Amino acid sequence: MASEYDPLFGSGSEGDDPADAQSLETVRRQFARASQPFLSSPVVWLAWAVVLPAAALLTSPLGARFGPAGILFLWSSAILAGGAIEMLAIRRRRGSGRRSPLATWALRVQGNLSFVGLVLSAALLWAGLSWELPGLWLLLLGHSFYTLGGLSFRPMRTAGAIFQVGGLVALWPGAPSLPAFAAAAATGCLWLAWGIWRR
């Protein structure tokens, strides 16, 4: 069975049937067009490259001083700040405002993935394994970026691979999970910003 990860392991079967390859290329073109509002400005990804690593590196000091409430406030503020910048960029570039079925599908996939992440995060916190949270979220984001990047924008796929490698490092027992998260988030987001700027 084929998967998005086949090219990493040298076992792609995409070119076996010309009709299948043509259909996939059509979907990729349409998806790339639908994803334009989300990949239109390098400023968005530069902002995420600052916001996410900063939140990761401030988590331990704020947690030591203010406890879980401080950590929750820090990450809520970081996500809201990065999301506001992203939403402003999307609104400025939207143009006609027409919704695409492919874009709607991608947002639903992201929503489902976020729900899975929240459930798994709650389970890890309940089990006293909060140090695994950075690795979990890097793996989830990385998988999403890698899969969607194959349909829309190649640098997004590379960023997804960077996030997943960072997730594996963060989950390694004894590894500094928050610095690993900060490094992977900064590198992946900067790679995306660079790719958008070049395009």
C-alpha atoms as a PDB file:
ATOM      1  CA  MET A   1       0.000   0.000   0.000  1.00  0.00           C
ATOM      2  CA  ALA A   2       1.388   3.416  -0.994  1.00  0.00           C
ATOM      3  CA  SER A   3       1.748   6.298   1.441  1.00  0.00           C
ATOM      4  CA  GLU A   4       3.036   9.868   1.498  1.00  0.00           C
ATOM      5  CA  TYR A   5       6.235   8.588   3.117  1.00  0.00           C
ATOM      6  CA  ASP A   6       7.228   6.304   0.222  1.00  0.00           C
ATOM      7  CA  PRO A   7       9.675   8.838  -1.294  1.00  0.00           C
ATOM      8  CA  LEU A   8      11.669   8.822   1.957  1.00  0.00           C
ATOM      9  CA  PHE A   9      12.222   5.093   1.635  1.00  0.00           C
ATOM     10  CA  GLY A  10      12.530   4.856  -2.147  1.00  0.00           C
ATOM     11  CA  SER A  11       9.385   2.840  -2.820  1.00  0.00           C
ATOM     12  CA  GLY A  12       7.088   5.220  -4.675  1.00  0.00           C
ATOM     13  CA  SER A  13       4.573   3.788  -7.155  1.00  0.00           C
ATOM     14  CA  GLU A  14       3.176   7.080  -8.391  1.00  0.00           C
ATOM     15  CA  GLY A  15       4.316   6.691 -11.990  1.00  0.00           C
ATOM     16  CA  ASP A  16       3.018   3.159 -12.586  1.00  0.00           C
ATOM     17  CA  ASP A  17      -0.308   4.227 -14.118  1.00  0.00           C
ATOM     18  CA  PRO A  18      -0.226   7.405 -16.260  1.00  0.00           C
ATOM     19  CA  ALA A  19      -3.944   8.072 -15.627  1.00  0.00           C
ATOM     20  CA  ASP A  20      -3.424   7.890 -11.856  1.00  0.00           C
ATOM     21  CA  ALA A  21      -0.394  10.153 -12.070  1.00  0.00           C
ATOM     22  CA  GLN A  22      -2.382  12.674 -14.161  1.00  0.00           C
ATOM     23  CA  SER A  23      -5.282  12.620 -11.669  1.00  0.00           C
ATOM     24  CA  LEU A  24      -2.905  13.159  -8.756  1.00  0.00           C
ATOM     25  CA  GLU A  25      -1.228  16.048 -10.560  1.00  0.00           C
ATOM     26  CA  THR A  26      -4.634  17.680 -11.162  1.00  0.00           C
ATOM     27  CA  VAL A  27      -5.494  17.392  -7.464  1.00  0.00           C
ATOM     28  CA  ARG A  28      -2.096  18.827  -6.525  1.00  0.00           C
ATOM     29  CA  ARG A  29      -2.586  21.839  -8.783  1.00  0.00           C
ATOM     30  CA  GLN A  30      -6.060  22.508  -7.363  1.00  0.00           C
ATOM     31  CA  PHE A  31      -4.854  22.052  -3.798  1.00  0.00           C
ATOM     32  CA  ALA A  32      -1.891  24.372  -4.364  1.00  0.00           C
ATOM     33  CA  ARG A  33      -4.343  27.018  -5.613  1.00  0.00           C
ATOM     34  CA  ALA A  34      -6.667  26.462  -2.626  1.00  0.00           C
ATOM     35  CA  SER A  35      -3.784  26.730  -0.149  1.00  0.00           C
ATOM     36  CA  GLN A  36      -2.572  30.119  -1.467  1.00  0.00           C
ATOM     37  CA  PRO A  37      -4.185  32.159   1.353  1.00  0.00           C
ATOM     38  CA  PHE A  38      -2.426  30.018   3.976  1.00  0.00           C
ATOM     39  CA  LEU A  39       0.970  30.123   2.257  1.00  0.00           C
ATOM     40  CA  SER A  40       0.952  33.651   0.909  1.00  0.00           C
ATOM     41  CA  SER A  41       3.194  35.566   3.298  1.00  0.00           C
ATOM     42  CA  PRO A  42       6.577  34.676   4.801  1.00  0.00           C
ATOM     43  CA  VAL A  43       5.777  37.094   7.656  1.00  0.00           C
ATOM     44  CA  VAL A  44       3.307  34.570   9.100  1.00  0.00           C
ATOM     45  CA  TRP A  45       5.916  31.831   9.317  1.00  0.00           C
ATOM     46  CA  LEU A  46       8.575  34.228  10.575  1.00  0.00           C
ATOM     47  CA  ALA A  47       6.152  35.102  13.379  1.00  0.00           C
ATOM     48  CA  TRP A  48       5.581  31.415  14.208  1.00  0.00           C
ATOM     49  CA  ALA A  49       9.368  30.896  14.105  1.00  0.00           C
ATOM     50  CA  VAL A  50       9.628  33.406  16.965  1.00  0.00           C
ATOM     51  CA  VAL A  51       6.413  32.723  18.910  1.00  0.00           C
ATOM     52  CA  LEU A  52       6.634  28.935  19.238  1.00  0.00           C
ATOM     53  CA  PRO A  53      10.318  28.691  20.268  1.00  0.00           C
ATOM     54  CA  ALA A  54       9.901  31.617  22.686  1.00  0.00           C
ATOM     55  CA  ALA A  55       6.933  29.912  24.350  1.00  0.00           C
ATOM     56  CA  ALA A  56       8.841  26.624  24.572  1.00  0.00           C
ATOM     57  CA  LEU A  57      11.898  28.240  26.158  1.00  0.00           C
ATOM     58  CA  LEU A  58       9.787  30.286  28.625  1.00  0.00           C
ATOM     59  CA  THR A  59       7.710  27.289  29.740  1.00  0.00           C
ATOM     60  CA  SER A  60      10.065  26.021  32.453  1.00  0.00           C
ATOM     61  CA  PRO A  61      10.814  29.418  34.069  1.00  0.00           C
ATOM     62  CA  LEU A  62       7.148  30.455  34.085  1.00  0.00           C
ATOM     63  CA  GLY A  63       6.070  27.026  35.272  1.00  0.00           C
ATOM     64  CA  ALA A  64       8.512  27.209  38.185  1.00  0.00           C
ATOM     65  CA  ARG A  65       7.216  30.646  39.156  1.00  0.00           C
ATOM     66  CA  PHE A  66       3.469  30.469  38.439  1.00  0.00           C
ATOM     67  CA  GLY A  67       2.743  26.748  38.153  1.00  0.00           C
ATOM     68  CA  PRO A  68       0.353  25.180  35.602  1.00  0.00           C
ATOM     69  CA  ALA A  69      -1.693  28.403  35.355  1.00  0.00           C
ATOM     70  CA  GLY A  70       1.372  30.282  34.111  1.00  0.00           C
ATOM     71  CA  ILE A  71       2.108  27.627  31.490  1.00  0.00           C
ATOM     72  CA  LEU A  72      -1.508  27.625  30.296  1.00  0.00           C
ATOM     73  CA  PHE A  73      -1.508  31.427  30.036  1.00  0.00           C
ATOM     74  CA  LEU A  74       1.826  31.433  28.175  1.00  0.00           C
ATOM     75  CA  TRP A  75       0.786  28.899  25.531  1.00  0.00           C
ATOM     76  CA  SER A  76      -2.720  30.347  25.125  1.00  0.00           C
ATOM     77  CA  SER A  77      -1.207  33.793  24.555  1.00  0.00           C
ATOM     78  CA  ALA A  78       1.385  32.426  22.112  1.00  0.00           C
ATOM     79  CA  ILE A  79      -1.193  30.551  20.024  1.00  0.00           C
ATOM     80  CA  LEU A  80      -3.572  33.527  20.004  1.00  0.00           C
ATOM     81  CA  ALA A  81      -0.782  35.929  18.975  1.00  0.00           C
ATOM     82  CA  GLY A  82       0.497  33.690  16.174  1.00  0.00           C
ATOM     83  CA  GLY A  83      -3.058  32.894  15.064  1.00  0.00           C
ATOM     84  CA  ALA A  84      -3.981  36.594  14.926  1.00  0.00           C
ATOM     85  CA  ILE A  85      -1.019  37.344  12.655  1.00  0.00           C
ATOM     86  CA  GLU A  86      -1.943  34.385  10.444  1.00  0.00           C
ATOM     87  CA  MET A  87      -5.605  35.418  10.272  1.00  0.00           C
ATOM     88  CA  LEU A  88      -4.691  38.988   9.287  1.00  0.00           C
ATOM     89  CA  ALA A  89      -2.477  37.698   6.469  1.00  0.00           C
ATOM     90  CA  ILE A  90      -5.215  35.336   5.227  1.00  0.00           C
ATOM     91  CA  ARG A  91      -7.816  38.125   5.241  1.00  0.00           C
ATOM     92  CA  ARG A  92      -5.525  40.470   3.308  1.00  0.00           C
ATOM     93  CA  ARG A  93      -4.813  37.858   0.606  1.00  0.00           C
ATOM     94  CA  ARG A  94      -8.197  36.200   0.348  1.00  0.00           C
ATOM     95  CA  GLY A  95      -9.412  38.183  -2.671  1.00  0.00           C
ATOM     96  CA  SER A  96     -12.733  36.814  -3.832  1.00  0.00           C
ATOM     97  CA  GLY A  97     -13.406  35.007  -0.552  1.00  0.00           C
ATOM     98  CA  ARG A  98     -14.671  31.908  -2.366  1.00  0.00           C
ATOM     99  CA  ARG A  99     -14.372  28.732  -0.341  1.00  0.00           C
ATOM    100  CA  SER A 100     -12.732  25.720  -1.916  1.00  0.00           C
ATOM    101  CA  PRO A 101     -13.857  22.157  -1.083  1.00  0.00           C
ATOM    102  CA  LEU A 102     -10.176  21.147  -0.914  1.00  0.00           C
ATOM    103  CA  ALA A 103      -9.363  23.923   1.551  1.00  0.00           C
ATOM    104  CA  THR A 104     -12.400  22.961   3.640  1.00  0.00           C
ATOM    105  CA  TRP A 105     -11.265  19.331   3.638  1.00  0.00           C
ATOM    106  CA  ALA A 106      -7.757  20.347   4.763  1.00  0.00           C
ATOM    107  CA  LEU A 107      -9.157  22.451   7.614  1.00  0.00           C
ATOM    108  CA  ARG A 108     -11.320  19.525   8.741  1.00  0.00           C
ATOM    109  CA  VAL A 109      -8.272  17.242   8.737  1.00  0.00           C
ATOM    110  CA  GLN A 110      -6.391  19.825  10.828  1.00  0.00           C
ATOM    111  CA  GLY A 111      -9.351  20.092  13.202  1.00  0.00           C
ATOM    112  CA  ASN A 112      -9.515  16.331  13.670  1.00  0.00           C
ATOM    113  CA  LEU A 113      -5.774  16.182  14.255  1.00  0.00           C
ATOM    114  CA  SER A 114      -5.993  18.945  16.858  1.00  0.00           C
ATOM    115  CA  PHE A 115      -8.768  17.052  18.649  1.00  0.00           C
ATOM    116  CA  VAL A 116      -6.637  13.895  18.719  1.00  0.00           C
ATOM    117  CA  GLY A 117      -3.724  15.969  20.028  1.00  0.00           C
ATOM    118  CA  LEU A 118      -5.859  17.428  22.833  1.00  0.00           C
ATOM    119  CA  VAL A 119      -7.102  13.995  23.908  1.00  0.00           C
ATOM    120  CA  LEU A 120      -3.599  12.529  23.879  1.00  0.00           C
ATOM    121  CA  SER A 121      -2.251  15.584  25.720  1.00  0.00           C
ATOM    122  CA  ALA A 122      -4.854  15.154  28.459  1.00  0.00           C
ATOM    123  CA  ALA A 123      -3.934  11.472  28.735  1.00  0.00           C
ATOM    124  CA  LEU A 124      -0.223  12.284  29.046  1.00  0.00           C
ATOM    125  CA  LEU A 125      -0.883  14.949  31.697  1.00  0.00           C
ATOM    126  CA  TRP A 126      -3.098  12.545  33.646  1.00  0.00           C
ATOM    127  CA  ALA A 127      -0.331   9.912  33.496  1.00  0.00           C
ATOM    128  CA  GLY A 128       2.275  12.428  34.718  1.00  0.00           C
ATOM    129  CA  LEU A 129       4.174  12.407  31.412  1.00  0.00           C
ATOM    130  CA  SER A 130       4.019  16.095  30.574  1.00  0.00           C
ATOM    131  CA  TRP A 131       7.607  16.002  29.258  1.00  0.00           C
ATOM    132  CA  GLU A 132       6.280  14.028  26.249  1.00  0.00           C
ATOM    133  CA  LEU A 133       3.921  16.823  25.117  1.00  0.00           C
ATOM    134  CA  PRO A 134       6.465  18.705  22.937  1.00  0.00           C
ATOM    135  CA  GLY A 135       7.351  15.507  21.069  1.00  0.00           C
ATOM    136  CA  LEU A 136       3.698  14.539  20.618  1.00  0.00           C
ATOM    137  CA  TRP A 137       2.763  17.905  19.095  1.00  0.00           C
ATOM    138  CA  LEU A 138       5.809  17.996  16.851  1.00  0.00           C
ATOM    139  CA  LEU A 139       4.931  14.540  15.481  1.00  0.00           C
ATOM    140  CA  LEU A 140       1.280  15.483  14.904  1.00  0.00           C
ATOM    141  CA  LEU A 141       2.109  18.805  13.235  1.00  0.00           C
ATOM    142  CA  GLY A 142       4.908  17.207  11.259  1.00  0.00           C
ATOM    143  CA  HIS A 143       2.665  14.469   9.897  1.00  0.00           C
ATOM    144  CA  SER A 144       0.022  17.016   8.884  1.00  0.00           C
ATOM    145  CA  PHE A 145       2.533  19.341   7.220  1.00  0.00           C
ATOM    146  CA  TYR A 146       4.286  16.485   5.444  1.00  0.00           C
ATOM    147  CA  THR A 147       1.040  15.066   4.038  1.00  0.00           C
ATOM    148  CA  LEU A 148      -0.516  18.385   3.002  1.00  0.00           C
ATOM    149  CA  GLY A 149       2.827  19.635   1.689  1.00  0.00           C
ATOM    150  CA  GLY A 150       2.865  16.793  -0.809  1.00  0.00           C
ATOM    151  CA  LEU A 151      -0.360  18.208  -2.241  1.00  0.00           C
ATOM    152  CA  SER A 152       0.339  21.905  -2.076  1.00  0.00           C
ATOM    153  CA  PHE A 153       3.868  23.171  -1.419  1.00  0.00           C
ATOM    154  CA  ARG A 154       7.115  21.195  -1.257  1.00  0.00           C
ATOM    155  CA  PRO A 155       8.792  23.338   1.444  1.00  0.00           C
ATOM    156  CA  MET A 156       5.817  22.515   3.671  1.00  0.00           C
ATOM    157  CA  ARG A 157       6.642  18.828   3.272  1.00  0.00           C
ATOM    158  CA  THR A 158      10.266  19.501   4.252  1.00  0.00           C
ATOM    159  CA  ALA A 159       9.086  21.481   7.287  1.00  0.00           C
ATOM    160  CA  GLY A 160       6.896  18.528   8.242  1.00  0.00           C
ATOM    161  CA  ALA A 161       9.895  16.207   8.113  1.00  0.00           C
ATOM    162  CA  ILE A 162      11.870  18.673  10.288  1.00  0.00           C
ATOM    163  CA  PHE A 163       9.049  18.729  12.850  1.00  0.00           C
ATOM    164  CA  GLN A 164       8.900  14.937  12.939  1.00  0.00           C
ATOM    165  CA  VAL A 165      12.642  14.574  13.456  1.00  0.00           C
ATOM    166  CA  GLY A 166      12.363  17.136  16.265  1.00  0.00           C
ATOM    167  CA  GLY A 167       9.481  15.139  17.724  1.00  0.00           C
ATOM    168  CA  LEU A 168      11.550  11.962  17.786  1.00  0.00           C
ATOM    169  CA  VAL A 169      14.393  13.826  19.517  1.00  0.00           C
ATOM    170  CA  ALA A 170      11.975  15.358  22.039  1.00  0.00           C
ATOM    171  CA  LEU A 171      10.513  11.943  22.872  1.00  0.00           C
ATOM    172  CA  TRP A 172      13.915  10.356  23.445  1.00  0.00           C
ATOM    173  CA  PRO A 173      14.187   9.555  27.177  1.00  0.00           C
ATOM    174  CA  GLY A 174      16.372  12.102  28.900  1.00  0.00           C
ATOM    175  CA  ALA A 175      16.458  14.476  25.913  1.00  0.00           C
ATOM    176  CA  PRO A 176      15.630  18.164  26.545  1.00  0.00           C
ATOM    177  CA  SER A 177      12.140  18.118  25.044  1.00  0.00           C
ATOM    178  CA  LEU A 178      11.368  21.849  25.176  1.00  0.00           C
ATOM    179  CA  PRO A 179      14.668  22.970  23.586  1.00  0.00           C
ATOM    180  CA  ALA A 180      14.155  20.267  20.936  1.00  0.00           C
ATOM    181  CA  PHE A 181      10.669  21.664  20.280  1.00  0.00           C
ATOM    182  CA  ALA A 182      12.062  25.214  20.067  1.00  0.00           C
ATOM    183  CA  ALA A 183      14.796  24.199  17.610  1.00  0.00           C
ATOM    184  CA  ALA A 184      12.473  22.161  15.373  1.00  0.00           C
ATOM    185  CA  ALA A 185       9.742  24.826  15.365  1.00  0.00           C
ATOM    186  CA  ALA A 186      12.189  27.603  14.515  1.00  0.00           C
ATOM    187  CA  THR A 187      13.896  25.590  11.766  1.00  0.00           C
ATOM    188  CA  GLY A 188      10.673  24.296  10.183  1.00  0.00           C
ATOM    189  CA  CYS A 189       8.900  27.660  10.231  1.00  0.00           C
ATOM    190  CA  LEU A 190      11.960  29.497   8.891  1.00  0.00           C
ATOM    191  CA  TRP A 191      12.214  26.933   6.093  1.00  0.00           C
ATOM    192  CA  LEU A 192       8.581  27.615   5.166  1.00  0.00           C
ATOM    193  CA  ALA A 193       9.115  31.385   5.280  1.00  0.00           C
ATOM    194  CA  TRP A 194      12.169  31.007   3.028  1.00  0.00           C
ATOM    195  CA  GLY A 195      10.236  28.830   0.582  1.00  0.00           C
ATOM    196  CA  ILE A 196       7.345  31.316   0.372  1.00  0.00           C
ATOM    197  CA  TRP A 197       9.737  34.257  -0.073  1.00  0.00           C
ATOM    198  CA  ARG A 198      11.550  32.468  -2.898  1.00  0.00           C
ATOM    199  CA  ARG A 199       8.267  31.636  -4.619  1.00  0.00           C
END
